[in-house]
Each structure stands twice: as C-alpha cells, then as structure tokens.
Protein backbone atom coordinates (compact mmCIF):
# COMPACT_ATOMS: atom_id res chain seq x y z
CA MET A 1 38.81 143.36 -85.64
CA THR A 2 38.30 141.53 -82.29
CA ASN A 3 35.00 140.09 -83.49
CA ILE A 4 36.64 138.80 -86.67
CA ILE A 5 39.47 137.18 -84.73
CA ASN A 6 37.02 135.61 -82.26
CA SER A 7 34.90 134.37 -85.16
CA ASP A 8 37.90 132.80 -86.86
CA TYR A 9 38.93 131.16 -83.59
CA ARG A 10 35.41 129.72 -83.08
CA VAL A 11 35.37 128.33 -86.62
CA GLU A 12 38.79 126.74 -86.14
CA SER A 13 37.70 125.25 -82.79
CA ILE A 14 34.53 123.84 -84.33
CA MET A 15 36.51 122.29 -87.22
CA LYS A 16 38.91 120.64 -84.76
CA LEU A 17 35.98 119.31 -82.71
CA ILE A 18 34.28 117.90 -85.81
CA SER A 19 37.54 116.28 -86.88
CA LEU A 20 37.97 114.66 -83.45
CA ILE A 21 34.37 113.38 -83.47
CA ILE A 22 34.96 111.80 -86.90
CA ILE A 23 38.06 110.01 -85.61
CA ILE A 24 36.20 108.74 -82.52
CA LEU A 25 33.35 107.49 -84.69
CA ILE A 26 35.80 105.68 -86.99
CA ILE A 27 37.42 103.99 -84.01
CA SER A 28 34.08 103.04 -82.43
CA CYS A 29 32.93 101.51 -85.73
CA GLU A 30 36.03 99.34 -85.62
CA SER A 31 35.41 98.25 -82.02
CA ASN A 32 36.84 94.80 -82.66
CA ILE A 33 40.22 96.30 -83.58
CA GLU A 34 42.95 96.04 -80.98
CA ILE A 35 45.59 98.64 -81.76
CA ASN A 36 49.02 97.21 -81.15
CA ASN A 37 51.98 99.41 -80.53
CA ASP A 38 54.35 96.99 -82.28
CA THR A 39 53.28 98.38 -85.67
CA TYR A 40 55.44 101.31 -86.76
CA ILE A 41 54.26 104.00 -89.16
CA CYS A 42 56.42 105.79 -91.74
CA ILE A 43 55.12 108.92 -93.45
CA THR A 44 56.82 109.83 -96.72
CA PHE A 45 56.52 112.95 -98.87
CA ASP A 46 57.54 112.69 -102.52
CA ASP A 47 58.49 115.20 -105.20
CA GLN A 48 59.30 118.33 -103.14
CA ASP A 49 55.97 120.16 -103.56
CA LEU A 50 56.01 123.44 -101.64
CA SER A 51 52.74 122.51 -99.92
CA ILE A 52 54.69 119.89 -97.96
CA TYR A 53 56.46 122.71 -96.14
CA ASP A 54 53.55 125.14 -96.05
CA ASN A 55 50.65 122.83 -95.16
CA ALA A 56 51.93 119.40 -94.03
CA LEU A 57 54.87 120.45 -91.83
CA PRO A 58 52.77 122.48 -89.33
CA LEU A 59 50.48 119.49 -88.82
CA MET A 60 53.40 117.10 -88.44
CA GLN A 61 54.91 119.45 -85.84
CA GLU A 62 51.62 119.66 -83.98
CA PHE A 63 51.74 115.91 -83.37
CA GLY A 64 55.50 115.65 -82.99
CA PHE A 65 55.94 113.38 -86.02
CA THR A 66 58.90 113.13 -88.37
CA ALA A 67 58.91 111.96 -91.99
CA THR A 68 61.05 110.88 -94.92
CA ASN A 69 61.32 113.63 -97.54
CA VAL A 70 61.86 112.09 -101.01
CA ILE A 71 63.35 114.62 -103.42
CA ASN A 72 64.59 115.07 -106.98
CA THR A 73 67.57 117.30 -106.33
CA ALA A 74 67.68 118.86 -109.82
CA GLN A 75 64.20 120.27 -109.20
CA ILE A 76 64.90 121.84 -105.82
CA GLY A 77 64.29 125.60 -106.02
CA ASN A 78 61.97 125.43 -109.03
CA GLU A 79 58.70 127.35 -108.84
CA GLY A 80 56.22 125.62 -106.56
CA HIS A 81 58.90 123.36 -105.10
CA LEU A 82 60.96 123.27 -101.94
CA ASN A 83 64.26 125.16 -101.95
CA TRP A 84 67.50 123.91 -100.41
CA GLN A 85 67.06 125.98 -97.26
CA GLN A 86 63.68 124.36 -96.63
CA VAL A 87 64.99 120.86 -97.38
CA GLU A 88 67.86 121.37 -94.95
CA GLU A 89 65.53 122.83 -92.34
CA LEU A 90 63.25 119.80 -92.55
CA GLU A 91 66.16 117.52 -91.67
CA PHE A 92 68.39 119.62 -89.40
CA VAL A 93 65.66 121.46 -87.47
CA TYR A 94 62.70 119.09 -87.57
CA GLY A 95 64.49 115.73 -87.69
CA TRP A 96 63.18 114.44 -91.00
CA GLU A 97 65.13 112.02 -93.18
CA THR A 98 65.97 113.06 -96.75
CA ALA A 99 65.85 110.42 -99.49
CA GLY A 100 66.91 110.22 -103.15
CA HIS A 101 64.53 109.96 -106.10
CA THR A 102 66.84 110.56 -109.14
CA LEU A 103 67.73 114.02 -110.39
CA HIS A 104 64.72 114.56 -112.64
CA HIS A 105 62.14 111.91 -111.64
CA VAL A 106 62.98 109.77 -114.65
CA VAL A 107 61.25 106.45 -115.32
CA LEU A 108 64.29 104.24 -114.91
CA PRO A 109 63.35 101.30 -117.19
CA GLU A 110 62.90 103.78 -120.05
CA ILE A 111 66.58 104.85 -120.00
CA ASN A 112 69.81 102.90 -120.37
CA ASN A 113 71.95 101.91 -117.40
CA GLU A 114 74.57 104.60 -118.00
CA GLU A 115 71.92 107.32 -117.91
CA ALA A 116 70.29 105.66 -114.90
CA GLU A 117 73.55 105.61 -112.96
CA TYR A 118 74.09 109.31 -113.67
CA GLU A 119 70.58 110.17 -112.42
CA ILE A 120 70.98 108.01 -109.31
CA TYR A 121 74.56 108.88 -108.41
CA GLN A 122 74.32 112.64 -108.97
CA ASP A 123 71.14 112.78 -106.91
CA TRP A 124 72.89 110.87 -104.09
CA LEU A 125 75.95 113.12 -104.40
CA ASN A 126 73.82 116.25 -104.10
CA LEU A 127 72.32 114.93 -100.87
CA GLN A 128 75.78 114.13 -99.53
CA ASN A 129 77.20 117.52 -100.53
CA HIS A 130 74.45 119.26 -98.58
CA GLY A 131 75.18 117.13 -95.53
CA LEU A 132 71.78 115.43 -95.79
CA SER A 133 70.96 111.82 -95.03
CA HIS A 134 71.41 109.57 -98.06
CA ASP A 135 70.46 106.03 -97.02
CA THR A 136 67.04 105.71 -98.67
CA PHE A 137 66.01 105.78 -102.33
CA ALA A 138 62.46 105.77 -103.70
CA LEU A 139 61.93 104.47 -107.23
CA PRO A 140 60.35 107.14 -109.46
CA SER A 141 57.02 105.70 -110.65
CA GLY A 142 57.96 102.59 -108.65
CA HIS A 143 59.94 100.79 -111.34
CA ALA A 144 63.51 99.73 -112.10
CA THR A 145 65.24 96.84 -113.85
CA GLU A 146 67.28 94.25 -111.95
CA GLU A 147 70.48 95.89 -113.17
CA GLN A 148 69.25 99.28 -111.98
CA PHE A 149 68.46 97.86 -108.54
CA GLU A 150 72.10 96.83 -108.34
CA ILE A 151 73.20 100.35 -109.33
CA ILE A 152 70.99 101.86 -106.64
CA LEU A 153 72.45 99.55 -104.00
CA ASN A 154 75.92 100.87 -104.81
CA TYR A 155 74.82 104.12 -103.15
CA TYR A 156 71.75 103.49 -100.98
CA LYS A 157 70.84 100.95 -98.27
CA ASN A 158 67.05 101.17 -98.51
CA ILE A 159 64.83 101.06 -101.61
CA ARG A 160 61.13 101.94 -101.60
CA THR A 161 58.92 100.76 -104.46
CA SER A 162 55.35 101.92 -105.18
CA ARG A 163 53.69 98.60 -104.33
CA ASP A 164 51.48 98.43 -101.25
CA LEU A 165 53.39 95.61 -99.56
CA LYS A 166 52.84 94.00 -96.18
CA HIS A 167 55.98 94.31 -94.07
CA PHE A 168 56.72 91.69 -91.44
CA TYR A 169 59.83 91.25 -89.31
CA PRO A 170 62.52 90.97 -90.54
CA ILE A 171 61.98 93.72 -93.12
CA ASN A 172 63.59 93.50 -96.56
CA ARG A 173 65.08 96.98 -96.61
CA THR A 174 65.91 96.74 -100.33
CA TYR A 175 62.30 96.17 -101.40
CA LEU A 176 59.93 98.34 -99.38
CA GLY A 177 56.39 99.23 -100.40
CA TYR A 178 53.95 101.96 -99.46
CA PHE A 179 50.30 103.00 -99.46
CA PHE A 180 50.01 105.69 -102.14
CA TYR A 181 47.50 108.40 -101.19
CA ASP A 182 45.48 109.17 -104.32
CA SER A 183 43.48 112.37 -104.92
CA GLU A 184 40.30 110.31 -104.98
CA TYR A 185 40.91 109.03 -101.45
CA ASN A 186 39.89 110.52 -98.13
CA ALA A 187 41.18 110.10 -94.59
CA GLN A 188 39.17 106.92 -94.06
CA ASP A 189 41.07 105.14 -96.86
CA ALA A 190 44.42 105.72 -95.14
CA ILE A 191 43.00 104.94 -91.69
CA SER A 192 41.51 101.68 -93.00
CA ARG A 193 44.92 100.75 -94.39
CA ILE A 194 46.46 101.32 -90.96
CA ILE A 195 43.76 99.24 -89.28
CA ARG A 196 44.27 96.38 -91.77
CA GLY A 197 47.99 96.51 -91.09
CA VAL A 198 47.46 96.32 -87.34
CA GLU A 199 45.01 93.44 -87.77
CA ASN A 200 47.58 91.63 -89.93
CA LYS A 201 50.26 92.31 -87.28
CA GLU A 202 52.42 94.07 -89.85
CA ALA A 203 55.64 95.44 -88.40
CA LEU A 204 55.66 98.52 -90.64
CA ILE A 205 53.17 100.57 -92.64
CA ILE A 206 54.53 103.23 -95.00
CA LEU A 207 52.12 105.98 -96.07
CA GLY A 208 53.03 108.06 -99.12
CA PHE A 209 51.86 111.63 -99.79
CA HIS A 210 52.74 114.19 -102.45
CA GLN A 211 50.69 117.41 -102.32
CA PHE A 212 48.51 119.21 -99.75
CA GLN A 213 46.07 121.69 -101.28
CA GLU A 214 42.67 122.67 -99.86
CA GLU A 215 40.99 121.72 -103.13
CA ASN A 216 41.86 119.16 -105.78
CA THR A 217 43.71 120.99 -108.57
CA GLY A 218 43.75 117.97 -110.89
CA TYR A 219 47.00 116.65 -109.43
CA PRO A 220 46.67 112.85 -109.09
CA ALA A 221 48.04 112.67 -105.53
CA ASN A 222 46.59 115.50 -103.47
CA CYS A 223 45.58 115.16 -99.82
CA THR A 224 43.63 118.00 -98.27
CA PRO A 225 45.04 119.36 -94.99
CA ILE A 226 41.75 118.42 -93.27
CA ASP A 227 42.10 114.78 -94.34
CA PHE A 228 45.78 114.76 -93.41
CA ARG A 229 44.96 116.07 -89.94
CA GLN A 230 42.40 113.27 -89.45
CA ILE A 231 45.00 110.66 -90.43
CA LEU A 232 47.57 112.10 -88.02
CA GLU A 233 44.97 112.33 -85.25
CA PHE A 234 44.16 108.65 -85.69
CA ILE A 235 47.83 107.70 -85.49
CA HIS A 236 48.33 109.93 -82.44
CA TYR A 237 45.14 108.79 -80.68
CA ASN A 238 46.21 105.14 -80.99
CA GLU A 239 49.77 105.87 -79.84
CA LEU A 240 51.38 104.35 -82.92
CA GLU A 241 55.06 105.26 -83.20
CA VAL A 242 56.05 107.26 -86.27
CA LEU A 243 59.59 106.78 -87.58
CA THR A 244 61.57 107.74 -90.66
CA ILE A 245 62.26 104.91 -93.12
CA LYS A 246 65.89 104.75 -91.99
CA GLU A 247 64.90 104.51 -88.33
CA ALA A 248 62.26 101.87 -89.02
CA VAL A 249 64.38 99.55 -91.16
CA ASP A 250 67.33 99.87 -88.79
CA LYS A 251 65.01 98.48 -86.09
CA LEU A 252 63.24 95.89 -88.20
CA SER A 253 65.78 94.44 -90.65
CA ASN A 254 68.45 91.83 -89.95
C-alpha cells in the first residue's frame, strides 16, 4: 500500500512539475510581454455542471480564486448538476458570486416577451429566495432582443453576452463579453487571450467555462482539469487579480 501511495505521489509531483515548466516556457516565448496588474480577470462557470464543484472548485481554492457561478435555477438538483446546497456553499463558504441565466436556459429571441419575463424574473426570484447574490445575468446562448434587455435590467445590474469583447475603463456593465472556452481549445488559447488583453491594456478579461472532464465527452465546452490548472497557474504566476463580475464592474464602471 505504501509503495502505491508513494508512486501516486511521485506521478502527481511530476505532473505538477511538467505543468509548471509548460507555463514558464509559454511566458519565456512571450518575452516581450509586460504583464500589468491593472488588468482584472473574471472566471465564470455556466450551466451548473457537477464537474464545476468536483473538479474546478479544488483548483480554484488552491490558488485562492473566486468566480461567478451562472445558473439556471430550474435545473438545480438534476442529475449531473449542482444542487442547492452546493450552489449556496460556493457563495457563502468560498465567496463566489451567483448569477442568473433564465430558469431553463431558453433562447430568449425565440420566445415572446411575456415568456421571457417569466423565465428571467422567476430565475432572479429563486436566487433572492435562497439569499444568493442576484446582480449579474448571463444571456443564454448570448442573445436577447432590445425589449428583453430592458426586461433584464428591471432585475439585474450587469449583463454578460457571449461576444469576446475588449473591456476598457469605464466598463459598460450592461453589455459585457467573455472568452468562451471551447472543447477544441487548450490552455494556450486562454493564456494567449489573456496576453492579448494585457497588451491591449484591457481593464477586464472575462473567461467562460462550462464543464471539466478528464476526456472530451462530446460536450462542446469542456476544459480538462490539466488545462484549467495551467490557465490558473499563468494567472497566479503573473499576479493578475481575479474578481467576480460584480466586484469587477463595481470597480470599473461609472
């Protein structure tokens, strides 16, 4: 048993060393980059996949980072999803922000405004009833009509779209964008986005993740835990401050 434990420990240590070497190599290849601590990072997790709690949370805790947890409240407790106890723990114990996403992840432009208001309001009300933060809303699939934007702003202060926008001070808190991590990406894609943002002197970079499985299961937005660790190590190594969306826009908007 001791040999097995020691073997597992050596493998884990080697993997961490390899990961650190990769990060150092990435940074050295970008030797002309001057990391600037005025760029804030937001990490968001959409759609309440259980792997957020099981696989992403331990890594976030290792680096002392918080996140914005974007949930469809009607789906909380379903198989393979977060339950209410876990959602509340993420905010009340670990300091994450909770954000709305409609009850059922509906595509807003495909429904009428009455249905849209029900999906938006009831989702917001569920957050409020659980004592969770309810300032930020993320558009399901990134779309809404102008009238639906107005409905959202009756309940929420911040709106995140799915466009990869450049955010400069002062931030428009009602039209935020993010870098969507696709299953075809690897850690370098997210790190390159951060480097571009720093080069552009962007005030805020929002990174969006959905699922964290060791292997791609066909889900279009999976990030392996190894890749996620490398991204977090890069952020940590360069001393970039990680905030929730609410914290960031409170600092950066008028």
